[in-house]
PDB file of N, CA and C in Angstrom:
ATOM      1  N   MET A   1      -0.524  -9.207 -52.810  1.00  0.00           N
ATOM      2  CA  MET A   1      -1.171  -8.106 -53.156  1.00  0.00           C
ATOM      3  C   MET A   1      -0.597  -7.070 -52.935  1.00  0.00           C
ATOM      4  N   VAL A   2      -1.019  -6.233 -53.343  1.00  0.00           N
ATOM      5  CA  VAL A   2      -0.936  -4.855 -53.890  1.00  0.00           C
ATOM      6  C   VAL A   2      -1.858  -3.327 -53.512  1.00  0.00           C
ATOM      7  N   TYR A   3      -1.690  -3.250 -52.286  1.00  0.00           N
ATOM      8  CA  TYR A   3      -3.309  -2.429 -52.573  1.00  0.00           C
ATOM      9  C   TYR A   3      -2.547  -0.569 -52.320  1.00  0.00           C
ATOM     10  N   ARG A   4      -3.306   0.362 -52.958  1.00  0.00           N
ATOM     11  CA  ARG A   4      -3.281   1.541 -53.070  1.00  0.00           C
ATOM     12  C   ARG A   4      -2.822   1.775 -52.225  1.00  0.00           C
ATOM     13  N   ASN A   5      -3.587   1.562 -50.883  1.00  0.00           N
ATOM     14  CA  ASN A   5      -3.013   2.094 -49.689  1.00  0.00           C
ATOM     15  C   ASN A   5      -4.175   1.656 -48.751  1.00  0.00           C
ATOM     16  N   SER A   6      -4.167   2.166 -47.385  1.00  0.00           N
ATOM     17  CA  SER A   6      -4.460   1.505 -45.767  1.00  0.00           C
ATOM     18  C   SER A   6      -5.930   1.202 -46.319  1.00  0.00           C
ATOM     19  N   ILE A   7      -6.621   2.372 -46.658  1.00  0.00           N
ATOM     20  CA  ILE A   7      -8.190   1.866 -46.447  1.00  0.00           C
ATOM     21  C   ILE A   7      -8.696   0.530 -47.963  1.00  0.00           C
ATOM     22  N   ASP A   8      -7.774   0.954 -48.900  1.00  0.00           N
ATOM     23  CA  ASP A   8      -7.906  -0.439 -50.464  1.00  0.00           C
ATOM     24  C   ASP A   8      -7.379  -1.789 -49.327  1.00  0.00           C
ATOM     25  N   ALA A   9      -6.579  -1.696 -48.840  1.00  0.00           N
ATOM     26  CA  ALA A   9      -6.802  -2.832 -47.907  1.00  0.00           C
ATOM     27  C   ALA A   9      -7.460  -3.475 -46.805  1.00  0.00           C
ATOM     28  N   PHE A  10      -7.936  -2.131 -46.267  1.00  0.00           N
ATOM     29  CA  PHE A  10      -8.693  -2.763 -45.367  1.00  0.00           C
ATOM     30  C   PHE A  10     -10.201  -3.340 -45.777  1.00  0.00           C
ATOM     31  N   GLN A  11     -10.686  -2.100 -47.295  1.00  0.00           N
ATOM     32  CA  GLN A  11     -11.750  -2.110 -47.824  1.00  0.00           C
ATOM     33  C   GLN A  11     -11.611  -4.110 -48.331  1.00  0.00           C
ATOM     34  N   GLN A  12     -10.600  -4.601 -48.412  1.00  0.00           N
ATOM     35  CA  GLN A  12     -10.387  -5.737 -49.572  1.00  0.00           C
ATOM     36  C   GLN A  12     -10.446  -6.702 -48.417  1.00  0.00           C
ATOM     37  N   LEU A  13     -10.490  -6.790 -47.322  1.00  0.00           N
ATOM     38  CA  LEU A  13     -10.082  -7.419 -45.981  1.00  0.00           C
ATOM     39  C   LEU A  13     -12.136  -7.752 -45.939  1.00  0.00           C
ATOM     40  N   LEU A  14     -12.660  -6.451 -45.566  1.00  0.00           N
ATOM     41  CA  LEU A  14     -14.797  -6.758 -45.751  1.00  0.00           C
ATOM     42  C   LEU A  14     -15.311  -7.360 -46.238  1.00  0.00           C
ATOM     43  N   LEU A  15     -13.992  -7.354 -47.859  1.00  0.00           N
ATOM     44  CA  LEU A  15     -15.150  -8.457 -48.576  1.00  0.00           C
ATOM     45  C   LEU A  15     -15.145  -9.968 -48.247  1.00  0.00           C
ATOM     46  N   SER A  16     -14.342 -10.414 -47.377  1.00  0.00           N
ATOM     47  CA  SER A  16     -14.982 -11.523 -46.461  1.00  0.00           C
ATOM     48  C   SER A  16     -16.174 -11.981 -45.880  1.00  0.00           C
ATOM     49  N   PRO A  17     -17.165 -12.793 -45.607  1.00  0.00           N
ATOM     50  CA  PRO A  17     -18.254 -12.797 -45.063  1.00  0.00           C
ATOM     51  C   PRO A  17     -18.005 -12.929 -44.266  1.00  0.00           C
ATOM     52  N   ALA A  18     -16.896 -12.939 -43.039  1.00  0.00           N
ATOM     53  CA  ALA A  18     -16.730 -14.312 -42.109  1.00  0.00           C
ATOM     54  C   ALA A  18     -15.507 -13.309 -41.052  1.00  0.00           C
ATOM     55  N   VAL A  19     -15.894 -11.848 -41.206  1.00  0.00           N
ATOM     56  CA  VAL A  19     -15.132 -10.802 -40.156  1.00  0.00           C
ATOM     57  C   VAL A  19     -15.613 -10.957 -39.238  1.00  0.00           C
ATOM     58  N   SER A  20     -15.167 -11.568 -37.847  1.00  0.00           N
ATOM     59  CA  SER A  20     -16.079 -11.072 -37.263  1.00  0.00           C
ATOM     60  C   SER A  20     -15.827  -9.647 -35.870  1.00  0.00           C
ATOM     61  N   GLN A  21     -15.083  -8.972 -35.977  1.00  0.00           N
ATOM     62  CA  GLN A  21     -14.350  -7.361 -35.721  1.00  0.00           C
ATOM     63  C   GLN A  21     -14.124  -7.019 -36.041  1.00  0.00           C
ATOM     64  N   ILE A  22     -14.086  -5.734 -36.055  1.00  0.00           N
ATOM     65  CA  ILE A  22     -13.575  -4.546 -36.367  1.00  0.00           C
ATOM     66  C   ILE A  22     -12.989  -3.447 -35.672  1.00  0.00           C
ATOM     67  N   SER A  23     -11.893  -3.544 -34.443  1.00  0.00           N
ATOM     68  CA  SER A  23     -11.638  -2.009 -33.546  1.00  0.00           C
ATOM     69  C   SER A  23     -10.400  -1.536 -34.029  1.00  0.00           C
ATOM     70  N   ALA A  24     -10.101   0.336 -33.618  1.00  0.00           N
ATOM     71  CA  ALA A  24      -9.582   1.123 -34.417  1.00  0.00           C
ATOM     72  C   ALA A  24      -9.653   1.681 -33.885  1.00  0.00           C
ATOM     73  N   LYS A  25      -8.485   1.746 -33.100  1.00  0.00           N
ATOM     74  CA  LYS A  25      -7.383   3.159 -32.280  1.00  0.00           C
ATOM     75  C   LYS A  25      -6.461   4.134 -33.402  1.00  0.00           C
ATOM     76  N   SER A  26      -7.212   5.375 -32.816  1.00  0.00           N
ATOM     77  CA  SER A  26      -6.178   6.218 -33.275  1.00  0.00           C
ATOM     78  C   SER A  26      -5.874   7.542 -32.552  1.00  0.00           C
ATOM     79  N   GLY A  27      -4.530   8.656 -32.266  1.00  0.00           N
ATOM     80  CA  GLY A  27      -3.983   8.940 -31.656  1.00  0.00           C
ATOM     81  C   GLY A  27      -2.687  10.211 -32.743  1.00  0.00           C
ATOM     82  N   HIS A  28      -1.903  10.380 -31.734  1.00  0.00           N
ATOM     83  CA  HIS A  28      -0.908  11.525 -32.098  1.00  0.00           C
ATOM     84  C   HIS A  28       0.354  11.033 -31.720  1.00  0.00           C
ATOM     85  N   MET A  29       1.076  10.991 -32.939  1.00  0.00           N
ATOM     86  CA  MET A  29       2.863  10.631 -32.466  1.00  0.00           C
ATOM     87  C   MET A  29       3.550  12.494 -31.808  1.00  0.00           C
ATOM     88  N   GLN A  30       4.132  11.739 -31.059  1.00  0.00           N
ATOM     89  CA  GLN A  30       5.010  12.771 -30.488  1.00  0.00           C
ATOM     90  C   GLN A  30       5.562  14.379 -31.353  1.00  0.00           C
ATOM     91  N   ASN A  31       5.629  13.991 -32.923  1.00  0.00           N
ATOM     92  CA  ASN A  31       6.156  14.810 -33.545  1.00  0.00           C
ATOM     93  C   ASN A  31       4.716  15.303 -34.261  1.00  0.00           C
ATOM     94  N   GLY A  32       3.072  14.854 -33.466  1.00  0.00           N
ATOM     95  CA  GLY A  32       2.011  15.723 -34.022  1.00  0.00           C
ATOM     96  C   GLY A  32       1.834  14.576 -34.781  1.00  0.00           C
ATOM     97  N   ILE A  33       2.104  13.821 -35.850  1.00  0.00           N
ATOM     98  CA  ILE A  33       1.422  13.509 -36.949  1.00  0.00           C
ATOM     99  C   ILE A  33       0.915  12.297 -36.392  1.00  0.00           C
ATOM    100  N   SER A  34      -0.337  11.891 -36.531  1.00  0.00           N
ATOM    101  CA  SER A  34      -2.087  11.283 -36.346  1.00  0.00           C
ATOM    102  C   SER A  34      -1.561  10.052 -36.904  1.00  0.00           C
ATOM    103  N   TYR A  35      -1.626   8.942 -36.211  1.00  0.00           N
ATOM    104  CA  TYR A  35      -1.669   7.609 -36.923  1.00  0.00           C
ATOM    105  C   TYR A  35      -2.849   6.658 -36.441  1.00  0.00           C
ATOM    106  N   CYS A  36      -3.372   5.281 -36.850  1.00  0.00           N
ATOM    107  CA  CYS A  36      -3.993   4.760 -36.960  1.00  0.00           C
ATOM    108  C   CYS A  36      -4.131   3.316 -37.241  1.00  0.00           C
ATOM    109  N   VAL A  37      -4.555   2.481 -36.284  1.00  0.00           N
ATOM    110  CA  VAL A  37      -4.015   0.847 -35.627  1.00  0.00           C
ATOM    111  C   VAL A  37      -5.758   0.535 -35.732  1.00  0.00           C
ATOM    112  N   VAL A  38      -6.188  -0.044 -37.221  1.00  0.00           N
ATOM    113  CA  VAL A  38      -7.256  -0.593 -37.627  1.00  0.00           C
ATOM    114  C   VAL A  38      -6.715  -2.445 -37.111  1.00  0.00           C
ATOM    115  N   GLN A  39      -7.265  -3.313 -36.500  1.00  0.00           N
ATOM    116  CA  GLN A  39      -7.333  -4.907 -36.540  1.00  0.00           C
ATOM    117  C   GLN A  39      -8.589  -5.628 -36.816  1.00  0.00           C
ATOM    118  N   VAL A  40      -8.460  -5.682 -37.393  1.00  0.00           N
ATOM    119  CA  VAL A  40      -9.925  -7.237 -38.437  1.00  0.00           C
ATOM    120  C   VAL A  40      -9.860  -8.445 -38.298  1.00  0.00           C
ATOM    121  N   SER A  41     -10.400  -9.053 -37.010  1.00  0.00           N
ATOM    122  CA  SER A  41     -10.762 -10.504 -36.713  1.00  0.00           C
ATOM    123  C   SER A  41     -11.622 -11.055 -38.067  1.00  0.00           C
ATOM    124  N   PHE A  42     -11.940 -12.149 -37.814  1.00  0.00           N
ATOM    125  CA  PHE A  42     -12.088 -13.949 -38.417  1.00  0.00           C
ATOM    126  C   PHE A  42     -12.374 -13.990 -37.665  1.00  0.00           C
ATOM    127  N   ALA A  43     -14.017 -14.975 -38.122  1.00  0.00           N
ATOM    128  CA  ALA A  43     -13.950 -16.041 -37.443  1.00  0.00           C
ATOM    129  C   ALA A  43     -13.449 -17.831 -37.196  1.00  0.00           C
ATOM    130  N   ASN A  44     -12.455 -18.023 -38.241  1.00  0.00           N
ATOM    131  CA  ASN A  44     -11.785 -18.671 -38.059  1.00  0.00           C
ATOM    132  C   ASN A  44     -10.233 -18.852 -37.002  1.00  0.00           C
ATOM    133  N   GLY A  45     -10.197 -16.992 -36.386  1.00  0.00           N
ATOM    134  CA  GLY A  45      -9.562 -17.018 -36.056  1.00  0.00           C
ATOM    135  C   GLY A  45      -8.084 -15.641 -36.410  1.00  0.00           C
ATOM    136  N   ASP A  46      -8.032 -16.060 -38.002  1.00  0.00           N
ATOM    137  CA  ASP A  46      -7.386 -15.436 -38.055  1.00  0.00           C
ATOM    138  C   ASP A  46      -7.492 -13.696 -37.575  1.00  0.00           C
ATOM    139  N   GLU A  47      -6.339 -13.117 -38.172  1.00  0.00           N
ATOM    140  CA  GLU A  47      -6.081 -11.652 -37.543  1.00  0.00           C
ATOM    141  C   GLU A  47      -5.834 -10.546 -38.277  1.00  0.00           C
ATOM    142  N   TYR A  48      -5.462  -9.524 -38.426  1.00  0.00           N
ATOM    143  CA  TYR A  48      -5.056  -8.539 -39.185  1.00  0.00           C
ATOM    144  C   TYR A  48      -4.583  -7.370 -38.897  1.00  0.00           C
ATOM    145  N   ARG A  49      -3.645  -6.642 -38.328  1.00  0.00           N
ATOM    146  CA  ARG A  49      -3.459  -5.446 -38.915  1.00  0.00           C
ATOM    147  C   ARG A  49      -2.833  -4.575 -39.562  1.00  0.00           C
ATOM    148  N   ILE A  50      -3.298  -3.397 -39.212  1.00  0.00           N
ATOM    149  CA  ILE A  50      -3.068  -1.648 -40.613  1.00  0.00           C
ATOM    150  C   ILE A  50      -3.340  -0.887 -39.965  1.00  0.00           C
ATOM    151  N   GLU A  51      -2.097  -0.066 -40.450  1.00  0.00           N
ATOM    152  CA  GLU A  51      -1.444   0.805 -39.834  1.00  0.00           C
ATOM    153  C   GLU A  51      -1.534   2.186 -41.157  1.00  0.00           C
ATOM    154  N   ALA A  52      -2.043   3.746 -40.305  1.00  0.00           N
ATOM    155  CA  ALA A  52      -1.964   4.782 -41.544  1.00  0.00           C
ATOM    156  C   ALA A  52      -1.075   5.473 -40.723  1.00  0.00           C
ATOM    157  N   PHE A  53      -1.131   6.996 -41.009  1.00  0.00           N
ATOM    158  CA  PHE A  53      -0.506   7.788 -40.456  1.00  0.00           C
ATOM    159  C   PHE A  53      -0.769   9.020 -41.395  1.00  0.00           C
ATOM    160  N   ASP A  54      -0.824  10.265 -40.789  1.00  0.00           N
ATOM    161  CA  ASP A  54      -1.266  11.641 -41.082  1.00  0.00           C
ATOM    162  C   ASP A  54      -2.627  11.823 -41.357  1.00  0.00           C
ATOM    163  N   GLU A  55      -2.947  12.528 -43.019  1.00  0.00           N
ATOM    164  CA  GLU A  55      -4.244  12.882 -43.315  1.00  0.00           C
ATOM    165  C   GLU A  55      -5.033  11.269 -43.896  1.00  0.00           C
ATOM    166  N   GLU A  56      -4.063  10.307 -43.545  1.00  0.00           N
ATOM    167  CA  GLU A  56      -5.194   9.018 -44.287  1.00  0.00           C
ATOM    168  C   GLU A  56      -5.158   8.439 -43.279  1.00  0.00           C
ATOM    169  N   ALA A  57      -4.524   8.634 -42.128  1.00  0.00           N
ATOM    170  CA  ALA A  57      -5.107   7.655 -40.418  1.00  0.00           C
ATOM    171  C   ALA A  57      -6.205   8.095 -40.766  1.00  0.00           C
ATOM    172  N   ASP A  58      -6.689   9.840 -40.750  1.00  0.00           N
ATOM    173  CA  ASP A  58      -7.596   9.973 -40.048  1.00  0.00           C
ATOM    174  C   ASP A  58      -9.343   9.212 -41.422  1.00  0.00           C
ATOM    175  N   GLU A  59      -8.419   9.101 -42.036  1.00  0.00           N
ATOM    176  CA  GLU A  59      -9.986   8.527 -43.126  1.00  0.00           C
ATOM    177  C   GLU A  59     -10.183   7.147 -42.619  1.00  0.00           C
ATOM    178  N   LEU A  60      -9.394   6.487 -42.574  1.00  0.00           N
ATOM    179  CA  LEU A  60      -9.223   4.539 -42.234  1.00  0.00           C
ATOM    180  C   LEU A  60      -9.676   4.963 -40.591  1.00  0.00           C
ATOM    181  N   TYR A  61      -9.905   5.560 -40.202  1.00  0.00           N
ATOM    182  CA  TYR A  61     -10.131   5.461 -38.799  1.00  0.00           C
ATOM    183  C   TYR A  61     -11.968   5.906 -38.763  1.00  0.00           C
ATOM    184  N   ARG A  62     -11.839   7.074 -39.757  1.00  0.00           N
ATOM    185  CA  ARG A  62     -13.445   6.541 -39.449  1.00  0.00           C
ATOM    186  C   ARG A  62     -14.212   5.920 -40.637  1.00  0.00           C
ATOM    187  N   VAL A  63     -13.488   5.762 -41.805  1.00  0.00           N
ATOM    188  CA  VAL A  63     -14.195   4.405 -42.281  1.00  0.00           C
ATOM    189  C   VAL A  63     -14.266   2.897 -41.238  1.00  0.00           C
ATOM    190  N   ALA A  64     -13.582   2.402 -40.725  1.00  0.00           N
ATOM    191  CA  ALA A  64     -13.199   1.496 -39.721  1.00  0.00           C
ATOM    192  C   ALA A  64     -14.314   1.427 -38.892  1.00  0.00           C
ATOM    193  N   ARG A  65     -14.124   2.890 -37.607  1.00  0.00           N
ATOM    194  CA  ARG A  65     -15.840   3.263 -37.470  1.00  0.00           C
ATOM    195  C   ARG A  65     -17.131   3.035 -37.787  1.00  0.00           C
ATOM    196  N   GLU A  66     -17.130   3.343 -39.389  1.00  0.00           N
ATOM    197  CA  GLU A  66     -18.297   3.124 -39.932  1.00  0.00           C
ATOM    198  C   GLU A  66     -18.532   1.576 -40.213  1.00  0.00           C
ATOM    199  N   GLN A  67     -17.708   1.214 -40.927  1.00  0.00           N
ATOM    200  CA  GLN A  67     -17.372   0.037 -40.871  1.00  0.00           C
ATOM    201  C   GLN A  67     -17.636  -1.220 -39.293  1.00  0.00           C
ATOM    202  N   SER A  68     -17.040  -0.824 -38.624  1.00  0.00           N
ATOM    203  CA  SER A  68     -17.409  -1.175 -37.054  1.00  0.00           C
ATOM    204  C   SER A  68     -18.869  -1.171 -36.890  1.00  0.00           C
ATOM    205  N   SER A  69     -19.020  -0.213 -36.886  1.00  0.00           N
ATOM    206  CA  SER A  69     -20.620  -0.047 -35.921  1.00  0.00           C
ATOM    207  C   SER A  69     -21.861  -0.863 -36.731  1.00  0.00           C
ATOM    208  N   LEU A  70     -21.812  -0.594 -38.177  1.00  0.00           N
ATOM    209  CA  LEU A  70     -22.269  -2.002 -39.306  1.00  0.00           C
ATOM    210  C   LEU A  70     -22.203  -3.388 -39.282  1.00  0.00           C
ATOM    211  N   LEU A  71     -21.402  -3.673 -38.500  1.00  0.00           N
ATOM    212  CA  LEU A  71     -21.012  -4.913 -38.558  1.00  0.00           C
ATOM    213  C   LEU A  71     -22.321  -5.624 -36.751  1.00  0.00           C
ATOM    214  N   CYS A  72     -21.446  -4.768 -35.967  1.00  0.00           N
ATOM    215  CA  CYS A  72     -22.080  -4.958 -35.029  1.00  0.00           C
ATOM    216  C   CYS A  72     -23.894  -4.763 -35.162  1.00  0.00           C
ATOM    217  N   LEU A  73     -24.352  -3.945 -36.080  1.00  0.00           N
ATOM    218  CA  LEU A  73     -25.704  -3.382 -36.284  1.00  0.00           C
ATOM    219  C   LEU A  73     -25.766  -5.443 -36.781  1.00  0.00           C
ATOM    220  N   HIS A  74     -25.183  -5.223 -37.484  1.00  0.00           N
ATOM    221  CA  HIS A  74     -25.404  -7.440 -37.911  1.00  0.00           C
ATOM    222  C   HIS A  74     -25.050  -8.318 -37.983  1.00  0.00           C
ATOM    223  N   ALA A  75     -24.630  -8.042 -36.286  1.00  0.00           N
ATOM    224  CA  ALA A  75     -24.714  -9.663 -35.152  1.00  0.00           C
ATOM    225  C   ALA A  75     -25.771  -9.013 -34.741  1.00  0.00           C
ATOM    226  N   ASN A  76     -26.161  -7.459 -34.404  1.00  0.00           N
ATOM    227  CA  ASN A  76     -27.641  -7.663 -33.457  1.00  0.00           C
ATOM    228  C   ASN A  76     -29.269  -7.657 -33.563  1.00  0.00           C
ATOM    229  N   ALA A  77     -29.127  -8.147 -35.623  1.00  0.00           N
ATOM    230  CA  ALA A  77     -30.445  -8.344 -35.896  1.00  0.00           C
ATOM    231  C   ALA A  77     -30.739  -9.501 -36.331  1.00  0.00           C
TER     232      ALA A  77
END
């Protein structure tokens, strides 16, 4: 499957009701470019990792943290 960008790939993974955990890390490389790594875990043990750089990294991190918070809210409900 082809995705437009990392955010599109992440949102496609979220279509599954079996998502059990979302973790996101961000930072800057030595050359100053932003990066973001998001890991999506599923109840069956499958895991996917998505990486983004530069401005897309900032947006992916924001979306992933938002979805992670929502996932936690639903798990505790």
